[in-house]
Amino acid sequence: MNTRISMNPNLLVQYLQKQPHEFTREDIIRYCRENGVRFLNFHYCGWGGRLKTLGFVIQSEDHLRTILEAGERVDGSSLFPFVQAGRSDLYVMPRYCTAFVNPFAEIPTLGLLCAFMDRDGNPFESAPTYILHKAHKVFQEKTGMQMEAMGELEYYVIAPEEPLYKVADQRGYHESAPFNKFTELRVEAMRMIAECGGLIKYGHSEVGNFTADGKIYEQNEIEFLPTNIEDAADQLVIAKWIIRQLAYKHGVEVTFAPKITVGKAGSGMHVHCRFTKDGESMMLENGELTDVAKKAIAGYMMAGTSLPAFGNPHPLSFMRLVPHQEAPTSLCWSFSNRSALVRVPLGWQKKMDMARRVNPLEAPIDRDYGIKQTFEWRASDGFADTYLLMSALCCAARYGIESPEGLEVAERTYVGLGVNIHDKNNQEIQEALEQLPASCYEAADELEKDRLIYTAEGVFSDSIIDYTIKVLKDFHDNDLRHQLEESPSQIHKLVMQNIDNG
C-alpha cells in the first residue's frame, strides 16, 4: 500500500493513484471521461493576485484534448495594467499538476491553474507566477537546495451578532464551538482545500474577536504544511477562493484585510520557510540551527525594509505594523519569540519521545523530527500578491545565503529568547535595530535601494520593480498612519472600501 496516497484527501490523487506532479494530459482526459466531467475551468491570477476563471463546456474528447494542448487566448491588458491594449493578447496554458475537482459546481467540473505565455509561446516574463518560477529555479541552481514554504492564512468573518456564548474581547484564541461561531465554515473550507490539493496542517480560531454596530468580527486561521514554494503559493490562492465562496454561500463576509480597527488584532499572512536537499532538511545539524538557515534569515534582515513592498502593499498594511503592538516592526530574529520579525519556532531540535511519556503503554520511538524545523517571516499580510511575496522571500533568502556578511548580520540582529521587543523596558534594544517602513511610500523608497536583490539573475525585471514602486507611491500615504491612528471611524471606512482586496 502506498501510504502517501492511501489517506490523501485530494480527489484526483485518490482516483488516479498518483501524486499531482505525476499527472499527465491523458490522466486528465481519462478522469473527465470516466467521471462524466462536463465543464473545464481555467484559473489564473492577474495583477493583484485574485483568482480569475475562464469556463469551457466540453463538447467531445477531441475538444477536451485541444483545450488541454493549445490553451486559450485572453486579453492581457484587462489582467495586467502595464500591458498595452495594442499588444494585449496572451495565451493561458493549463498546468496539469494543478487539476482539481471544483467543490462548488453542481455539474461535474474540473479546474486547472494556468501559466501565461506570450505571442511566441514563451513564458510571459511579467506574470507573477513566472517570476516565482524564475526565483525558485535560480535559488536551486545557485544553492543546490529546494526552498519550501507554508502560509498561515488569517481572516475575519463578519456576521450579525449572536447573543449566546459570547467570547471576551480579543480572547478568541483556539476557542471551540459554540464560542467560536464559524467553526463549521472553517472546517468545510479545510475539507474543500484539501480535496483540491492543498496541504492543510490545521485550522483554529484566532485572538481577534469583538462586536461592533450589531456585528460580530471573528478571526480564524488556516495553516498549511511546507511544500515546494511554487506549490505553496498556488495553495494559498486556491484557499482564498474557496473561503470566499463558502462565506458567500453562508451569507457572511470574509476579509483578509490586515487591520479592521484600532486596538483589535490584525490579520497577517505569515510565511514559514525551510530548505531541503535530496529530501533532507538543511535546517538543523546536531540539534542546532545550521549556517545555511542563519544566512537565509540574515537575508531577510538585509532585505527587511524592502520586503514589505511585496508583503504589505496597501496603506492598511501599515495600520497593523505599528510599533509596540503585537505585529513585528523591528528587524530582528529570535527563537519562539512572536515580537521578532523572524521567529524560529519550536522545531523538535532534540530527540524527545514525548509520545511515550504521555502514553506509557507505547513502545519507544527513535525518530528524528528535525525535518519539521522552519523559520517564519511575520510581517506580510493577505493583501499581498502571493506569488510576488514568495518570489521576494526566495530572492532575499538566496541573497543572505550568498552574502559573505550573512553570519555576521545574523549574529548582530539576534535577540534572546524571551526578550519582548515591544516592551518599553527594552526600548534601548529596539532603538538599536532597524525598523520596517511606516507606509507604502517608504516601502517604495526601500525597494529602490534594494532593487538589485530582486533583479539579480533576471528574476524581477526592472520594469516590474518600477511599476511596483509607482503603485506604492501613488497611495501618497506618507503620514496616513499618524493621521488615522486616533480615528477608528476613518480606518473602518478605509477597511470597507478595500474589504475584498487580496
Protein backbone atom coordinates (compact mmCIF):
# COMPACT_ATOMS: atom_id res chain seq x y z
CA MET A 1 0.00 0.00 0.00
CA ASN A 2 1.29 3.48 -0.93
CA THR A 3 0.99 5.34 2.38
CA ARG A 4 1.35 8.71 0.62
CA ILE A 5 -1.85 8.02 -1.31
CA SER A 6 -3.99 5.78 0.90
CA MET A 7 -5.42 8.62 3.03
CA ASN A 8 -4.72 11.53 0.68
CA PRO A 9 -7.85 13.77 0.54
CA ASN A 10 -7.08 15.06 -2.99
CA LEU A 11 -9.86 13.56 -5.12
CA LEU A 12 -7.71 13.23 -8.24
CA VAL A 13 -4.84 11.65 -6.33
CA GLN A 14 -7.25 9.06 -4.97
CA TYR A 15 -8.75 8.29 -8.36
CA LEU A 16 -5.55 8.32 -10.43
CA GLN A 17 -3.42 6.76 -7.68
CA LYS A 18 -0.51 9.11 -8.33
CA GLN A 19 0.80 12.39 -6.93
CA PRO A 20 -0.16 15.71 -8.61
CA HIS A 21 3.28 16.29 -10.15
CA GLU A 22 2.85 12.97 -11.95
CA PHE A 23 -0.45 13.97 -13.60
CA THR A 24 -0.41 13.85 -17.41
CA ARG A 25 -2.78 15.13 -20.05
CA GLU A 26 -4.04 11.60 -20.60
CA ASP A 27 -4.78 11.33 -16.87
CA ILE A 28 -6.93 14.45 -17.04
CA ILE A 29 -8.79 13.20 -20.10
CA ARG A 30 -9.38 9.79 -18.53
CA TYR A 31 -10.69 11.32 -15.30
CA CYS A 32 -13.10 13.53 -17.26
CA ARG A 33 -14.30 10.63 -19.44
CA GLU A 34 -14.81 8.18 -16.57
CA ASN A 35 -16.43 10.66 -14.19
CA GLY A 36 -18.81 12.49 -16.51
CA VAL A 37 -16.99 15.83 -16.28
CA ARG A 38 -18.92 18.32 -18.41
CA PHE A 39 -17.13 21.59 -17.71
CA LEU A 40 -13.48 22.65 -17.56
CA ASN A 41 -12.33 25.85 -15.86
CA PHE A 42 -9.04 27.64 -16.40
CA HIS A 43 -7.95 29.67 -13.34
CA TYR A 44 -5.18 32.26 -13.12
CA CYS A 45 -4.24 35.45 -11.29
CA GLY A 46 -3.73 38.79 -12.97
CA TRP A 47 -2.13 41.74 -11.25
CA GLY A 48 -3.40 41.94 -7.67
CA GLY A 49 -3.44 38.22 -7.03
CA ARG A 50 -7.15 37.39 -7.10
CA LEU A 51 -8.18 34.21 -8.93
CA LYS A 52 -9.84 34.61 -12.34
CA THR A 53 -11.91 31.98 -14.18
CA LEU A 54 -12.47 31.05 -17.82
CA GLY A 55 -15.08 28.29 -18.30
CA PHE A 56 -15.42 25.74 -21.11
CA VAL A 57 -18.20 23.32 -21.99
CA ILE A 58 -16.59 20.04 -23.05
CA GLN A 59 -18.04 19.15 -26.49
CA SER A 60 -16.12 15.94 -27.10
CA GLU A 61 -12.96 14.13 -26.10
CA ASP A 62 -11.19 15.70 -29.08
CA HIS A 63 -12.39 19.15 -27.97
CA LEU A 64 -11.11 18.49 -24.43
CA ARG A 65 -7.76 17.38 -25.81
CA THR A 66 -7.50 20.56 -27.90
CA ILE A 67 -8.20 22.75 -24.86
CA LEU A 68 -5.54 20.96 -22.83
CA GLU A 69 -2.97 21.00 -25.65
CA ALA A 70 -3.47 24.50 -27.06
CA GLY A 71 -4.78 26.51 -24.13
CA GLU A 72 -6.73 29.68 -24.91
CA ARG A 73 -6.09 33.36 -25.56
CA VAL A 74 -7.06 36.15 -23.14
CA ASP A 75 -6.90 39.94 -23.01
CA GLY A 76 -3.68 40.66 -21.12
CA SER A 77 -4.44 44.39 -20.85
CA SER A 78 -7.52 43.59 -18.74
CA LEU A 79 -5.43 41.38 -16.42
CA PHE A 80 -2.20 43.37 -16.19
CA PRO A 81 -2.44 47.20 -16.12
CA PHE A 82 1.04 47.58 -17.62
CA VAL A 83 0.14 45.58 -20.77
CA GLN A 84 -0.75 47.86 -23.67
CA ALA A 85 -4.06 47.30 -25.46
CA GLY A 86 -2.30 47.33 -28.85
CA ARG A 87 -0.35 44.15 -27.95
CA SER A 88 -2.61 42.69 -25.32
CA ASP A 89 -3.19 39.07 -26.36
CA LEU A 90 -1.72 36.39 -24.11
CA TYR A 91 -2.16 32.63 -24.01
CA VAL A 92 -3.18 30.74 -20.88
CA MET A 93 -1.87 27.18 -20.73
CA PRO A 94 -3.19 24.71 -18.12
CA ARG A 95 -0.72 23.16 -15.70
CA TYR A 96 -1.86 19.56 -15.42
CA CYS A 97 -0.38 19.05 -11.96
CA THR A 98 -2.81 21.62 -10.52
CA ALA A 99 -6.01 19.88 -11.67
CA PHE A 100 -8.77 19.67 -9.06
CA VAL A 101 -12.47 18.85 -8.83
CA ASN A 102 -14.48 22.05 -8.38
CA PRO A 103 -16.14 21.58 -4.96
CA PHE A 104 -18.91 24.11 -5.68
CA ALA A 105 -20.10 23.04 -9.13
CA GLU A 106 -23.41 21.17 -9.35
CA ILE A 107 -22.37 19.84 -12.77
CA PRO A 108 -19.08 17.83 -12.61
CA THR A 109 -16.34 20.39 -13.31
CA LEU A 110 -12.57 20.22 -13.32
CA GLY A 111 -10.36 23.25 -12.65
CA LEU A 112 -6.71 23.85 -13.55
CA LEU A 113 -4.34 26.69 -12.76
CA CYS A 114 -2.69 28.20 -15.83
CA ALA A 115 0.59 29.73 -16.93
CA PHE A 116 0.67 32.88 -19.08
CA MET A 117 2.51 32.64 -22.41
CA ASP A 118 3.37 35.40 -24.89
CA ARG A 119 2.56 35.52 -28.61
CA ASP A 120 5.66 33.46 -29.41
CA GLY A 121 4.69 30.69 -27.00
CA ASN A 122 7.27 31.68 -24.39
CA PRO A 123 6.52 32.35 -20.71
CA PHE A 124 5.16 35.87 -20.12
CA GLU A 125 8.07 37.38 -18.22
CA SER A 126 5.96 39.76 -16.10
CA ALA A 127 3.45 37.19 -14.84
CA PRO A 128 3.83 36.82 -11.05
CA THR A 129 3.63 33.03 -11.38
CA TYR A 130 6.59 33.03 -13.77
CA ILE A 131 8.57 35.46 -11.58
CA LEU A 132 8.19 32.94 -8.74
CA HIS A 133 9.25 30.10 -11.03
CA LYS A 134 12.37 32.03 -12.01
CA ALA A 135 13.14 32.92 -8.38
CA HIS A 136 12.97 29.28 -7.29
CA LYS A 137 14.86 27.98 -10.31
CA VAL A 138 17.74 30.41 -9.67
CA PHE A 139 17.69 29.53 -5.96
CA GLN A 140 18.01 25.84 -6.79
CA GLU A 141 20.79 26.42 -9.34
CA LYS A 142 22.83 28.67 -7.05
CA THR A 143 22.40 26.84 -3.74
CA GLY A 144 21.72 23.24 -4.75
CA MET A 145 18.70 23.27 -2.45
CA GLN A 146 14.95 23.45 -2.80
CA MET A 147 13.06 26.16 -0.95
CA GLU A 148 9.85 25.11 0.73
CA ALA A 149 7.22 27.34 2.28
CA MET A 150 3.93 27.23 4.12
CA GLY A 151 1.44 30.01 4.67
CA GLU A 152 -0.63 30.99 7.68
CA LEU A 153 -3.86 32.46 6.34
CA GLU A 154 -5.70 34.65 8.86
CA TYR A 155 -9.09 36.15 8.09
CA TYR A 156 -12.09 37.74 9.78
CA VAL A 157 -15.65 36.50 9.39
CA ILE A 158 -18.17 39.36 9.73
CA ALA A 159 -21.80 38.49 10.51
CA PRO A 160 -24.81 39.63 12.57
CA GLU A 161 -24.06 39.47 16.30
CA GLU A 162 -25.02 36.29 18.15
CA PRO A 163 -26.50 36.70 21.68
CA LEU A 164 -25.36 33.31 23.03
CA TYR A 165 -21.93 32.01 24.10
CA LYS A 166 -20.04 35.24 23.78
CA VAL A 167 -16.23 35.43 23.91
CA ALA A 168 -14.42 38.17 25.77
CA ASP A 169 -12.92 40.87 23.58
CA GLN A 170 -9.62 39.73 21.99
CA ARG A 171 -9.80 36.34 23.73
CA GLY A 172 -10.77 34.12 20.82
CA TYR A 173 -7.56 32.09 20.56
CA HIS A 174 -8.34 28.39 19.95
CA GLU A 175 -11.93 28.70 21.18
CA SER A 176 -14.24 25.79 20.36
CA ALA A 177 -17.83 25.90 19.17
CA PRO A 178 -20.26 27.26 20.26
CA PHE A 179 -17.99 30.07 21.46
CA ASN A 180 -16.31 30.06 18.06
CA LYS A 181 -19.27 30.76 15.79
CA PHE A 182 -17.76 29.84 12.43
CA THR A 183 -16.08 26.53 13.16
CA GLU A 184 -18.23 24.76 10.56
CA LEU A 185 -17.32 27.26 7.85
CA ARG A 186 -13.61 26.83 8.66
CA VAL A 187 -13.83 23.02 8.73
CA GLU A 188 -15.74 22.95 5.46
CA ALA A 189 -13.11 25.22 3.92
CA MET A 190 -10.31 22.95 5.14
CA ARG A 191 -12.02 19.89 3.67
CA MET A 192 -12.51 21.56 0.30
CA ILE A 193 -8.99 22.99 0.16
CA ALA A 194 -7.56 19.55 0.95
CA GLU A 195 -9.72 17.86 -1.69
CA CYS A 196 -8.43 20.43 -4.20
CA GLY A 197 -4.82 19.57 -3.35
CA GLY A 198 -4.00 21.99 -0.52
CA LEU A 199 -1.75 20.52 2.17
CA ILE A 200 -3.54 21.61 5.34
CA LYS A 201 -1.71 21.49 8.66
CA TYR A 202 -4.54 22.66 10.90
CA GLY A 203 -7.18 25.31 11.48
CA HIS A 204 -8.33 27.19 14.56
CA SER A 205 -9.95 30.36 15.85
CA GLU A 206 -7.57 33.26 16.43
CA VAL A 207 -7.27 36.02 19.02
CA GLY A 208 -9.38 38.61 17.22
CA ASN A 209 -12.97 38.59 18.43
CA PHE A 210 -15.14 41.64 19.01
CA THR A 211 -18.57 43.12 18.33
CA ALA A 212 -19.44 46.50 16.87
CA ASP A 213 -22.58 48.02 15.35
CA GLY A 214 -24.58 44.83 15.83
CA LYS A 215 -21.98 42.64 14.09
CA ILE A 216 -19.53 40.05 15.30
CA TYR A 217 -16.00 40.11 13.93
CA GLU A 218 -14.41 36.70 14.43
CA GLN A 219 -10.85 35.87 13.43
CA ASN A 220 -9.91 32.41 12.17
CA GLU A 221 -6.78 30.87 10.70
CA ILE A 222 -5.90 28.02 8.36
CA GLU A 223 -2.27 26.94 8.30
CA PHE A 224 -0.58 24.83 5.65
CA LEU A 225 2.21 22.25 5.56
CA PRO A 226 5.60 23.03 3.99
CA THR A 227 5.91 22.22 0.30
CA ASN A 228 7.71 23.45 -2.80
CA ILE A 229 7.44 27.25 -2.64
CA GLU A 230 5.68 27.41 -6.02
CA ASP A 231 3.03 24.92 -4.89
CA ALA A 232 2.69 26.78 -1.58
CA ALA A 233 1.69 29.94 -3.43
CA ASP A 234 -0.85 28.06 -5.58
CA GLN A 235 -2.44 26.58 -2.48
CA LEU A 236 -2.91 29.95 -0.79
CA VAL A 237 -4.59 31.38 -3.89
CA ILE A 238 -7.00 28.42 -4.12
CA ALA A 239 -7.66 28.64 -0.38
CA LYS A 240 -8.73 32.29 -0.56
CA TRP A 241 -11.02 31.48 -3.48
CA ILE A 242 -12.66 28.64 -1.54
CA ILE A 243 -13.03 30.58 1.72
CA ARG A 244 -14.72 33.48 -0.07
CA GLN A 245 -17.13 31.23 -1.97
CA LEU A 246 -18.09 29.48 1.26
CA ALA A 247 -18.64 32.81 3.01
CA TYR A 248 -20.94 33.88 0.18
CA LYS A 249 -22.78 30.55 0.45
CA HIS A 250 -23.21 31.05 4.22
CA GLY A 251 -24.34 34.65 3.80
CA VAL A 252 -21.43 36.20 5.71
CA GLU A 253 -18.50 38.41 4.76
CA VAL A 254 -14.86 37.33 4.90
CA THR A 255 -11.93 39.69 4.70
CA PHE A 256 -8.17 39.24 4.62
CA ALA A 257 -7.69 42.91 5.49
CA PRO A 258 -4.57 43.40 7.65
CA LYS A 259 -6.40 45.71 10.06
CA ILE A 260 -10.06 46.06 10.98
CA THR A 261 -9.91 48.82 13.57
CA VAL A 262 -7.63 50.32 16.22
CA GLY A 263 -6.91 48.15 19.24
CA LYS A 264 -8.05 44.87 17.70
CA ALA A 265 -5.86 42.05 16.39
CA GLY A 266 -4.87 42.44 12.76
CA SER A 267 -4.62 39.61 10.25
CA GLY A 268 -1.28 38.53 8.82
CA MET A 269 -0.25 36.03 6.20
CA HIS A 270 2.93 34.74 7.82
CA VAL A 271 5.20 32.53 5.74
CA HIS A 272 7.32 29.70 7.16
CA CYS A 273 10.38 28.66 5.16
CA ARG A 274 12.75 25.71 5.14
CA PHE A 275 15.39 24.30 2.80
CA THR A 276 15.89 20.72 1.70
CA LYS A 277 18.46 18.85 -0.38
CA ASP A 278 17.70 15.41 -1.78
CA GLY A 279 14.71 15.28 0.55
CA GLU A 280 16.78 16.01 3.67
CA SER A 281 16.34 19.12 5.82
CA MET A 282 19.17 21.65 5.73
CA MET A 283 17.85 23.50 8.78
CA LEU A 284 19.43 21.65 11.70
CA GLU A 285 22.74 20.00 12.50
CA ASN A 286 23.30 18.29 15.83
CA GLY A 287 20.14 19.94 17.11
CA GLU A 288 21.35 23.46 16.24
CA LEU A 289 20.31 25.88 13.52
CA THR A 290 22.66 25.50 10.53
CA ASP A 291 24.72 28.30 9.00
CA VAL A 292 22.53 27.98 5.88
CA ALA A 293 19.42 28.75 7.92
CA LYS A 294 21.11 31.63 9.76
CA LYS A 295 22.34 33.16 6.49
CA ALA A 296 18.88 32.91 4.95
CA ILE A 297 17.43 34.66 8.00
CA ALA A 298 20.15 37.29 7.57
CA GLY A 299 18.92 37.76 4.02
CA TYR A 300 15.51 38.65 5.45
CA MET A 301 17.20 41.13 7.75
CA MET A 302 19.18 42.71 4.89
CA ALA A 303 16.11 42.90 2.64
CA GLY A 304 13.74 43.50 5.54
CA THR A 305 12.85 47.12 4.77
CA SER A 306 12.03 46.38 1.12
CA LEU A 307 10.15 43.07 1.55
CA PRO A 308 7.02 44.99 2.69
CA ALA A 309 6.83 46.40 -0.84
CA PHE A 310 5.60 42.92 -1.80
CA GLY A 311 4.20 41.64 1.51
CA ASN A 312 2.37 44.76 2.69
CA PRO A 313 1.23 46.56 -0.47
CA HIS A 314 -1.58 48.73 0.92
CA PRO A 315 -1.86 51.60 3.43
CA LEU A 316 -3.99 49.36 5.68
CA SER A 317 -0.98 47.05 5.99
CA PHE A 318 0.82 49.74 7.96
CA MET A 319 -2.11 50.19 10.33
CA ARG A 320 -1.19 46.67 11.51
CA LEU A 321 2.59 47.20 11.55
CA VAL A 322 2.56 49.68 14.42
CA PRO A 323 5.44 49.89 16.95
CA HIS A 324 4.83 48.47 20.45
CA GLN A 325 1.93 46.27 19.31
CA GLU A 326 1.92 42.55 18.54
CA ALA A 327 2.85 42.75 14.84
CA PRO A 328 6.64 42.97 14.35
CA THR A 329 8.30 46.22 13.28
CA SER A 330 11.97 45.78 14.29
CA LEU A 331 14.43 43.92 12.07
CA CYS A 332 15.49 41.10 14.36
CA TRP A 333 15.06 37.37 14.78
CA SER A 334 14.77 35.02 17.71
CA PHE A 335 13.64 31.61 18.91
CA SER A 336 9.95 31.20 19.87
CA ASN A 337 9.58 34.99 20.06
CA ARG A 338 6.49 36.48 18.43
CA SER A 339 7.72 40.04 18.84
CA ALA A 340 10.57 39.37 16.39
CA LEU A 341 10.26 39.91 12.65
CA VAL A 342 11.58 36.39 12.02
CA ARG A 343 10.70 33.69 14.53
CA VAL A 344 12.33 30.28 14.75
CA PRO A 345 9.51 28.23 16.28
CA LEU A 346 9.83 25.11 18.37
CA GLY A 347 11.19 22.57 15.93
CA TRP A 348 11.79 19.24 17.63
CA GLN A 349 15.52 20.05 17.68
CA LYS A 350 16.17 17.28 20.19
CA LYS A 351 15.09 13.66 20.14
CA MET A 352 12.29 13.63 22.69
CA ASP A 353 9.98 10.66 22.95
CA MET A 354 7.07 12.74 24.21
CA ALA A 355 4.53 10.30 22.81
CA ARG A 356 5.72 7.56 25.18
CA ARG A 357 5.87 9.92 28.15
CA VAL A 358 2.23 10.79 27.61
CA ASN A 359 1.24 7.26 26.55
CA PRO A 360 3.37 4.89 28.65
CA LEU A 361 1.93 1.75 27.02
CA GLU A 362 3.64 2.64 23.72
CA ALA A 363 7.00 1.28 22.59
CA PRO A 364 9.92 3.74 22.42
CA ILE A 365 10.22 5.85 19.27
CA ASP A 366 13.64 6.52 17.76
CA ARG A 367 12.83 9.03 15.04
CA ASP A 368 14.27 12.43 14.16
CA TYR A 369 11.57 15.04 13.62
CA GLY A 370 14.03 17.82 12.77
CA ILE A 371 12.55 17.94 9.25
CA LYS A 372 9.72 19.94 10.81
CA GLN A 373 12.02 22.90 11.62
CA THR A 374 11.16 26.16 9.84
CA PHE A 375 11.61 29.86 10.35
CA GLU A 376 8.77 32.33 9.99
CA TRP A 377 8.54 35.72 8.25
CA ARG A 378 5.86 37.51 10.28
CA ALA A 379 5.28 40.87 8.60
CA SER A 380 3.29 40.04 5.45
CA ASP A 381 -0.50 40.08 5.17
CA GLY A 382 -3.33 38.80 3.00
CA PHE A 383 -3.38 41.87 0.73
CA ALA A 384 -0.08 40.69 -0.76
CA ASP A 385 0.10 39.14 -4.21
CA THR A 386 1.04 35.65 -3.03
CA TYR A 387 3.30 34.89 -6.00
CA LEU A 388 5.24 38.15 -5.77
CA LEU A 389 5.64 37.78 -1.99
CA MET A 390 7.01 34.25 -2.32
CA SER A 391 9.31 35.42 -5.13
CA ALA A 392 10.69 38.22 -2.98
CA LEU A 393 11.23 35.92 0.01
CA CYS A 394 13.06 33.45 -2.24
CA CYS A 395 15.32 36.22 -3.58
CA ALA A 396 16.06 37.50 -0.06
CA ALA A 397 16.92 34.03 1.23
CA ARG A 398 19.35 33.45 -1.64
CA TYR A 399 20.87 36.90 -1.11
CA GLY A 400 21.59 36.06 2.52
CA ILE A 401 22.98 32.60 1.76
CA GLU A 402 25.34 34.06 -0.86
CA SER A 403 26.39 37.08 1.20
CA PRO A 404 29.82 36.91 2.89
CA GLU A 405 28.30 39.03 5.67
CA GLY A 406 25.41 36.63 6.31
CA LEU A 407 26.57 35.12 9.60
CA GLU A 408 27.69 38.48 10.98
CA VAL A 409 24.31 40.03 10.17
CA ALA A 410 22.54 37.06 11.75
CA GLU A 411 24.54 37.47 14.94
CA ARG A 412 24.00 41.24 15.07
CA THR A 413 20.22 41.05 14.59
CA TYR A 414 19.55 38.19 17.02
CA VAL A 415 17.63 38.94 20.20
CA GLY A 416 17.43 36.50 23.06
CA LEU A 417 14.64 34.08 23.86
CA GLY A 418 12.02 35.85 25.97
CA VAL A 419 13.09 39.40 25.04
CA ASN A 420 9.86 41.20 24.12
CA ILE A 421 10.87 43.89 21.64
CA HIS A 422 7.56 45.70 22.21
CA ASP A 423 8.16 46.05 25.96
CA LYS A 424 9.06 49.61 26.95
CA ASN A 425 11.76 48.20 29.21
CA ASN A 426 13.52 47.00 26.06
CA GLN A 427 13.31 50.33 24.26
CA GLU A 428 17.09 50.59 24.06
CA ILE A 429 17.29 47.27 22.22
CA GLN A 430 14.54 48.33 19.85
CA GLU A 431 16.20 51.66 19.07
CA ALA A 432 19.40 49.87 18.12
CA LEU A 433 17.53 47.84 15.46
CA GLU A 434 16.48 48.96 12.01
CA GLN A 435 12.73 49.46 11.66
CA LEU A 436 10.23 48.47 8.99
CA PRO A 437 8.88 51.29 6.81
CA ALA A 438 5.79 53.06 8.12
CA SER A 439 3.98 53.46 4.80
CA CYS A 440 3.74 52.21 1.23
CA TYR A 441 5.64 55.32 0.16
CA GLU A 442 8.57 54.47 2.45
CA ALA A 443 8.46 50.82 1.32
CA ALA A 444 8.78 52.02 -2.28
CA ASP A 445 11.88 54.03 -1.40
CA GLU A 446 13.39 50.97 0.29
CA LEU A 447 12.60 48.82 -2.75
CA GLU A 448 14.50 51.26 -4.93
CA LYS A 449 17.52 50.96 -2.62
CA ASP A 450 17.35 47.14 -2.63
CA ARG A 451 16.44 46.78 -6.31
CA LEU A 452 19.44 44.56 -7.12
CA ILE A 453 18.39 41.92 -4.58
CA TYR A 454 15.32 41.23 -6.71
CA THR A 455 16.57 41.91 -10.24
CA ALA A 456 19.71 39.76 -9.85
CA GLU A 457 19.79 36.86 -12.32
CA GLY A 458 16.77 38.33 -14.13
CA VAL A 459 14.18 37.21 -11.58
CA PHE A 460 12.29 40.51 -11.35
CA SER A 461 12.56 42.81 -14.34
CA ASP A 462 13.39 46.47 -13.82
CA SER A 463 10.04 47.36 -15.35
CA ILE A 464 8.15 45.32 -12.72
CA ILE A 465 10.17 46.93 -9.92
CA ASP A 466 9.47 50.37 -11.42
CA TYR A 467 5.76 49.62 -11.71
CA THR A 468 5.59 48.32 -8.12
CA ILE A 469 7.30 51.48 -6.87
CA LYS A 470 4.85 53.64 -8.80
CA VAL A 471 1.80 51.79 -7.43
CA LEU A 472 3.06 52.12 -3.85
CA LYS A 473 3.94 55.80 -4.16
CA ASP A 474 0.59 56.61 -5.75
CA PHE A 475 -1.07 55.92 -2.37
CA HIS A 476 0.60 59.11 -1.03
CA ASP A 477 0.32 57.63 2.45
CA ASN A 478 3.49 59.11 3.99
CA ASP A 479 1.69 60.40 7.08
CA LEU A 480 -1.58 58.44 6.84
CA ARG A 481 -0.90 56.11 9.77
CA HIS A 482 -0.32 59.09 12.08
CA GLN A 483 -3.45 60.81 10.79
CA LEU A 484 -5.69 57.77 11.28
CA GLU A 485 -4.34 56.19 14.46
CA GLU A 486 -6.71 58.28 16.56
CA SER A 487 -9.65 57.86 14.19
CA PRO A 488 -11.16 54.35 14.24
CA SER A 489 -14.06 55.56 12.08
CA GLN A 490 -11.70 56.57 9.28
CA ILE A 491 -9.83 53.27 9.49
CA HIS A 492 -13.17 51.45 9.35
CA LYS A 493 -14.10 53.46 6.26
CA LEU A 494 -10.80 52.51 4.63
CA VAL A 495 -11.41 48.85 5.52
CA MET A 496 -14.90 48.88 4.00
CA GLN A 497 -13.54 50.45 0.80
CA ASN A 498 -10.95 47.68 0.48
CA ILE A 499 -12.59 44.77 2.27
CA ASP A 500 -12.31 42.42 -0.72
CA ASN A 501 -8.67 43.17 -1.60
CA GLY A 502 -6.14 40.40 -1.75
